[in-house]
């Protein structure tokens, strides 16, 4: 979906909802192999486009909705207005392991 996240071991990340794509439920473990950059303190590996052999293992947590965002569209003096609400869905994941 075009998002990049900085993952550290045992970190809890809030990411865009993933159970649509991966069909993962709460408590499942997912391995992500599309890693762009890896650093262990001494050595930095930058992928072209991805780092070969690098994998991040995460445990899926709860899925929740963000606060509602209201979008108002109107044209002045024409008696035209539309109000639309939207709630983005997110999933919390816990980073279990980073291997490279």
N, C-alpha and C. Protein backbone atom coordinates (compact mmCIF):
# COMPACT_ATOMS: atom_id res chain seq x y z
N UNK A 1 0.81 -1.21 0.00
CA UNK A 1 0.00 0.00 0.00
C UNK A 1 0.85 1.26 0.00
N UNK A 2 2.15 1.10 -0.10
CA UNK A 2 3.00 2.27 -0.21
C UNK A 2 3.47 2.86 1.10
N UNK A 3 3.46 2.07 2.17
CA UNK A 3 3.91 2.58 3.46
C UNK A 3 5.23 1.93 3.86
N UNK A 4 6.07 2.70 4.57
CA UNK A 4 7.33 2.18 5.09
C UNK A 4 7.31 2.34 6.61
N UNK A 5 7.80 1.31 7.31
CA UNK A 5 7.81 1.32 8.76
C UNK A 5 9.20 0.98 9.27
N UNK A 6 9.61 1.62 10.36
CA UNK A 6 10.88 1.32 11.00
C UNK A 6 10.62 0.26 12.06
N UNK A 7 11.20 -0.92 11.87
CA UNK A 7 10.96 -2.04 12.77
C UNK A 7 12.17 -2.28 13.66
N UNK A 8 11.92 -2.40 14.95
CA UNK A 8 12.94 -2.78 15.93
C UNK A 8 12.40 -3.96 16.72
N UNK A 9 13.28 -4.80 17.21
CA UNK A 9 12.85 -5.98 17.94
C UNK A 9 11.99 -5.60 19.14
N UNK A 10 10.88 -6.31 19.31
CA UNK A 10 9.90 -6.13 20.39
C UNK A 10 9.14 -4.81 20.31
N UNK A 11 9.22 -4.12 19.18
CA UNK A 11 8.47 -2.87 19.01
C UNK A 11 7.04 -3.20 18.58
N UNK A 12 6.10 -2.37 19.03
CA UNK A 12 4.70 -2.50 18.62
C UNK A 12 4.42 -1.41 17.59
N UNK A 13 4.05 -1.83 16.38
CA UNK A 13 3.79 -0.90 15.28
C UNK A 13 2.31 -0.87 14.94
N UNK A 14 1.83 0.29 14.58
CA UNK A 14 0.47 0.43 14.06
C UNK A 14 0.58 0.57 12.55
N UNK A 15 0.09 -0.45 11.84
CA UNK A 15 0.21 -0.49 10.38
C UNK A 15 -1.18 -0.51 9.76
N UNK A 16 -1.24 -0.25 8.46
CA UNK A 16 -2.50 -0.35 7.75
C UNK A 16 -3.03 -1.78 7.89
N UNK A 17 -4.34 -1.93 7.87
CA UNK A 17 -4.96 -3.23 8.11
C UNK A 17 -4.37 -4.29 7.18
N UNK A 18 -3.90 -5.42 7.75
CA UNK A 18 -3.24 -6.44 6.95
C UNK A 18 -4.04 -7.72 6.80
N UNK A 19 -5.09 -7.94 7.58
CA UNK A 19 -5.79 -9.21 7.46
C UNK A 19 -6.62 -9.33 6.19
N UNK A 20 -6.80 -8.22 5.44
CA UNK A 20 -7.42 -8.31 4.12
C UNK A 20 -6.49 -9.03 3.16
N UNK A 21 -5.22 -8.68 3.19
CA UNK A 21 -4.25 -9.18 2.22
C UNK A 21 -3.73 -10.56 2.62
N UNK A 22 -3.28 -10.69 3.84
CA UNK A 22 -2.63 -11.92 4.29
C UNK A 22 -3.60 -12.91 4.94
N UNK A 23 -4.84 -12.51 5.18
CA UNK A 23 -5.84 -13.32 5.87
C UNK A 23 -5.30 -13.82 7.21
N UNK A 24 -4.69 -12.94 7.95
CA UNK A 24 -4.12 -13.27 9.25
C UNK A 24 -5.08 -12.86 10.35
N UNK A 25 -5.13 -13.66 11.38
CA UNK A 25 -5.97 -13.38 12.54
C UNK A 25 -5.09 -12.98 13.71
N UNK A 26 -5.72 -12.49 14.77
CA UNK A 26 -4.98 -12.08 15.96
C UNK A 26 -4.21 -13.26 16.53
N UNK A 27 -2.93 -13.05 16.79
CA UNK A 27 -2.07 -14.10 17.33
C UNK A 27 -1.26 -14.84 16.28
N UNK A 28 -1.60 -14.68 14.99
CA UNK A 28 -0.85 -15.33 13.92
C UNK A 28 0.51 -14.66 13.74
N UNK A 29 1.45 -15.40 13.16
CA UNK A 29 2.78 -14.89 12.87
C UNK A 29 2.93 -14.75 11.36
N UNK A 30 3.44 -13.60 10.92
CA UNK A 30 3.64 -13.32 9.50
C UNK A 30 5.12 -13.00 9.28
N UNK A 31 5.67 -13.49 8.17
CA UNK A 31 7.04 -13.17 7.79
C UNK A 31 7.00 -12.20 6.61
N UNK A 32 7.67 -11.07 6.76
CA UNK A 32 7.71 -10.04 5.73
C UNK A 32 9.12 -10.05 5.13
N UNK A 33 9.20 -10.26 3.81
CA UNK A 33 10.52 -10.34 3.17
C UNK A 33 10.81 -9.15 2.26
N UNK A 34 9.96 -8.15 2.25
CA UNK A 34 10.20 -6.95 1.44
C UNK A 34 10.83 -5.88 2.33
N UNK A 35 12.09 -6.11 2.69
CA UNK A 35 12.84 -5.24 3.59
C UNK A 35 13.72 -4.31 2.74
N UNK A 36 13.62 -3.01 2.97
CA UNK A 36 14.36 -2.03 2.18
C UNK A 36 15.75 -1.73 2.72
N UNK A 37 15.92 -1.74 4.05
CA UNK A 37 17.20 -1.39 4.66
C UNK A 37 17.36 -2.15 5.96
N UNK A 38 18.57 -2.63 6.23
CA UNK A 38 18.87 -3.34 7.47
C UNK A 38 20.14 -2.76 8.06
N UNK A 39 20.13 -2.52 9.38
CA UNK A 39 21.31 -2.03 10.07
C UNK A 39 21.46 -2.78 11.39
N UNK A 40 22.68 -3.25 11.68
CA UNK A 40 22.93 -3.93 12.95
C UNK A 40 23.85 -3.11 13.86
N UNK A 41 24.00 -1.84 13.57
CA UNK A 41 24.86 -0.98 14.37
C UNK A 41 26.19 -0.71 13.69
N UNK A 42 26.81 -1.76 13.12
CA UNK A 42 28.09 -1.60 12.42
C UNK A 42 27.91 -1.57 10.91
N UNK A 43 27.10 -2.49 10.42
CA UNK A 43 26.94 -2.66 8.98
C UNK A 43 25.54 -2.25 8.54
N UNK A 44 25.46 -1.51 7.43
CA UNK A 44 24.18 -1.09 6.87
C UNK A 44 24.04 -1.71 5.49
N UNK A 45 22.91 -2.38 5.25
CA UNK A 45 22.63 -2.98 3.94
C UNK A 45 21.41 -2.29 3.35
N UNK A 46 21.59 -1.73 2.15
CA UNK A 46 20.50 -1.07 1.45
C UNK A 46 20.11 -1.95 0.27
N UNK A 47 18.82 -2.21 0.13
CA UNK A 47 18.34 -3.08 -0.93
C UNK A 47 18.19 -2.38 -2.26
N UNK A 48 18.20 -3.19 -3.32
CA UNK A 48 17.98 -2.67 -4.67
C UNK A 48 16.96 -3.54 -5.39
N UNK A 49 15.70 -3.51 -5.18
CA UNK A 49 14.99 -2.67 -4.22
C UNK A 49 14.90 -3.27 -2.82
N UNK A 50 15.09 -4.59 -2.68
CA UNK A 50 14.97 -5.23 -1.36
C UNK A 50 16.29 -5.88 -0.97
N UNK A 51 16.50 -6.03 0.34
CA UNK A 51 17.69 -6.69 0.86
C UNK A 51 17.47 -8.20 0.76
N UNK A 52 18.36 -8.90 0.05
CA UNK A 52 18.21 -10.34 -0.13
C UNK A 52 18.46 -11.05 1.19
N UNK A 53 17.57 -11.98 1.52
CA UNK A 53 17.70 -12.77 2.73
C UNK A 53 17.21 -12.10 4.00
N UNK A 54 16.81 -10.86 3.93
CA UNK A 54 16.33 -10.15 5.12
C UNK A 54 14.84 -10.44 5.32
N UNK A 55 14.48 -10.76 6.55
CA UNK A 55 13.09 -11.06 6.87
C UNK A 55 12.74 -10.48 8.23
N UNK A 56 11.51 -10.00 8.33
CA UNK A 56 11.00 -9.49 9.60
C UNK A 56 9.80 -10.36 9.97
N UNK A 57 9.83 -10.94 11.17
CA UNK A 57 8.73 -11.76 11.65
C UNK A 57 7.92 -10.95 12.65
N UNK A 58 6.62 -10.84 12.39
CA UNK A 58 5.74 -10.06 13.26
C UNK A 58 4.57 -10.92 13.73
N UNK A 59 4.06 -10.59 14.91
CA UNK A 59 2.86 -11.23 15.44
C UNK A 59 1.71 -10.24 15.32
N UNK A 60 0.61 -10.70 14.75
CA UNK A 60 -0.54 -9.84 14.51
C UNK A 60 -1.29 -9.61 15.82
N UNK A 61 -1.62 -8.34 16.08
CA UNK A 61 -2.38 -7.98 17.26
C UNK A 61 -3.80 -7.61 16.88
N UNK A 62 -4.35 -6.64 17.58
CA UNK A 62 -5.74 -6.27 17.35
C UNK A 62 -5.89 -5.38 16.11
N UNK A 63 -7.07 -5.46 15.50
CA UNK A 63 -7.44 -4.59 14.39
C UNK A 63 -8.44 -3.57 14.94
N UNK A 64 -8.25 -2.31 14.59
CA UNK A 64 -9.14 -1.26 15.11
C UNK A 64 -9.33 -0.17 14.08
N UNK A 65 -10.30 0.70 14.33
CA UNK A 65 -10.57 1.82 13.44
C UNK A 65 -10.07 3.11 14.07
N UNK A 66 -9.56 4.00 13.23
CA UNK A 66 -9.10 5.31 13.67
C UNK A 66 -10.30 6.22 13.88
N UNK A 67 -10.07 7.42 14.37
CA UNK A 67 -11.15 8.38 14.54
C UNK A 67 -11.74 8.75 13.19
N UNK A 68 -13.01 9.12 13.19
CA UNK A 68 -13.70 9.46 11.96
C UNK A 68 -13.20 10.80 11.42
N UNK A 69 -12.97 10.83 10.11
CA UNK A 69 -12.58 12.05 9.41
C UNK A 69 -13.75 12.45 8.54
N UNK A 70 -14.21 13.70 8.68
CA UNK A 70 -15.34 14.18 7.89
C UNK A 70 -14.83 14.98 6.70
N UNK A 71 -15.40 14.69 5.54
CA UNK A 71 -15.04 15.38 4.31
C UNK A 71 -16.28 16.10 3.81
N UNK A 72 -16.20 17.42 3.65
CA UNK A 72 -17.33 18.23 3.19
C UNK A 72 -17.00 18.80 1.83
N UNK A 73 -17.91 18.58 0.90
CA UNK A 73 -17.76 19.11 -0.45
C UNK A 73 -18.98 19.98 -0.72
N UNK A 74 -18.77 21.23 -1.16
CA UNK A 74 -19.92 22.09 -1.43
C UNK A 74 -19.58 23.11 -2.50
N UNK A 75 -20.62 23.65 -3.07
CA UNK A 75 -20.48 24.75 -4.03
C UNK A 75 -21.31 25.91 -3.50
N UNK A 76 -20.66 27.06 -3.36
CA UNK A 76 -21.34 28.21 -2.77
C UNK A 76 -22.45 28.72 -3.68
N UNK A 77 -23.52 29.15 -3.07
CA UNK A 77 -24.68 29.76 -3.74
C UNK A 77 -25.41 28.81 -4.68
N UNK A 78 -25.13 27.52 -4.63
CA UNK A 78 -25.79 26.57 -5.53
C UNK A 78 -26.60 25.52 -4.77
N UNK A 79 -26.69 25.63 -3.45
CA UNK A 79 -27.43 24.68 -2.61
C UNK A 79 -26.96 23.24 -2.84
N UNK A 80 -25.64 23.07 -2.95
CA UNK A 80 -25.06 21.75 -3.15
C UNK A 80 -24.03 21.50 -2.06
N UNK A 81 -24.23 20.43 -1.29
CA UNK A 81 -23.24 20.04 -0.30
C UNK A 81 -23.34 18.54 -0.05
N UNK A 82 -22.20 17.92 0.18
CA UNK A 82 -22.12 16.50 0.47
C UNK A 82 -21.17 16.33 1.66
N UNK A 83 -21.62 15.56 2.64
CA UNK A 83 -20.81 15.26 3.81
C UNK A 83 -20.53 13.76 3.82
N UNK A 84 -19.26 13.41 3.89
CA UNK A 84 -18.86 12.01 3.84
C UNK A 84 -17.92 11.74 5.02
N UNK A 85 -18.15 10.64 5.73
CA UNK A 85 -17.29 10.25 6.84
C UNK A 85 -16.45 9.03 6.48
N UNK A 86 -15.25 8.95 7.06
CA UNK A 86 -14.35 7.84 6.76
C UNK A 86 -13.56 7.47 8.01
N UNK A 87 -13.45 6.15 8.28
CA UNK A 87 -12.64 5.66 9.39
C UNK A 87 -11.63 4.66 8.85
N UNK A 88 -10.35 5.02 8.91
CA UNK A 88 -9.29 4.14 8.42
C UNK A 88 -9.11 2.97 9.39
N UNK A 89 -8.83 1.77 8.85
CA UNK A 89 -8.64 0.59 9.67
C UNK A 89 -7.15 0.28 9.80
N UNK A 90 -6.73 -0.05 11.02
CA UNK A 90 -5.33 -0.32 11.33
C UNK A 90 -5.20 -1.64 12.07
N UNK A 91 -3.98 -2.18 12.07
CA UNK A 91 -3.66 -3.39 12.82
C UNK A 91 -2.39 -3.13 13.62
N UNK A 92 -2.39 -3.56 14.88
CA UNK A 92 -1.18 -3.48 15.70
C UNK A 92 -0.40 -4.78 15.51
N UNK A 93 0.90 -4.65 15.26
CA UNK A 93 1.77 -5.82 15.13
C UNK A 93 2.96 -5.65 16.06
N UNK A 94 3.45 -6.77 16.57
CA UNK A 94 4.63 -6.78 17.42
C UNK A 94 5.77 -7.46 16.67
N UNK A 95 6.91 -6.78 16.56
CA UNK A 95 8.06 -7.33 15.84
C UNK A 95 8.73 -8.36 16.74
N UNK A 96 8.79 -9.60 16.26
CA UNK A 96 9.37 -10.69 17.04
C UNK A 96 10.84 -10.94 16.69
N UNK A 97 11.17 -10.87 15.39
CA UNK A 97 12.53 -11.20 14.98
C UNK A 97 12.88 -10.46 13.69
N UNK A 98 14.14 -10.06 13.58
CA UNK A 98 14.66 -9.46 12.35
C UNK A 98 15.89 -10.28 11.97
N UNK A 99 15.80 -10.96 10.81
CA UNK A 99 16.90 -11.82 10.36
C UNK A 99 17.45 -11.32 9.04
N UNK A 100 18.79 -11.35 8.90
CA UNK A 100 19.42 -10.96 7.64
C UNK A 100 20.76 -11.64 7.48
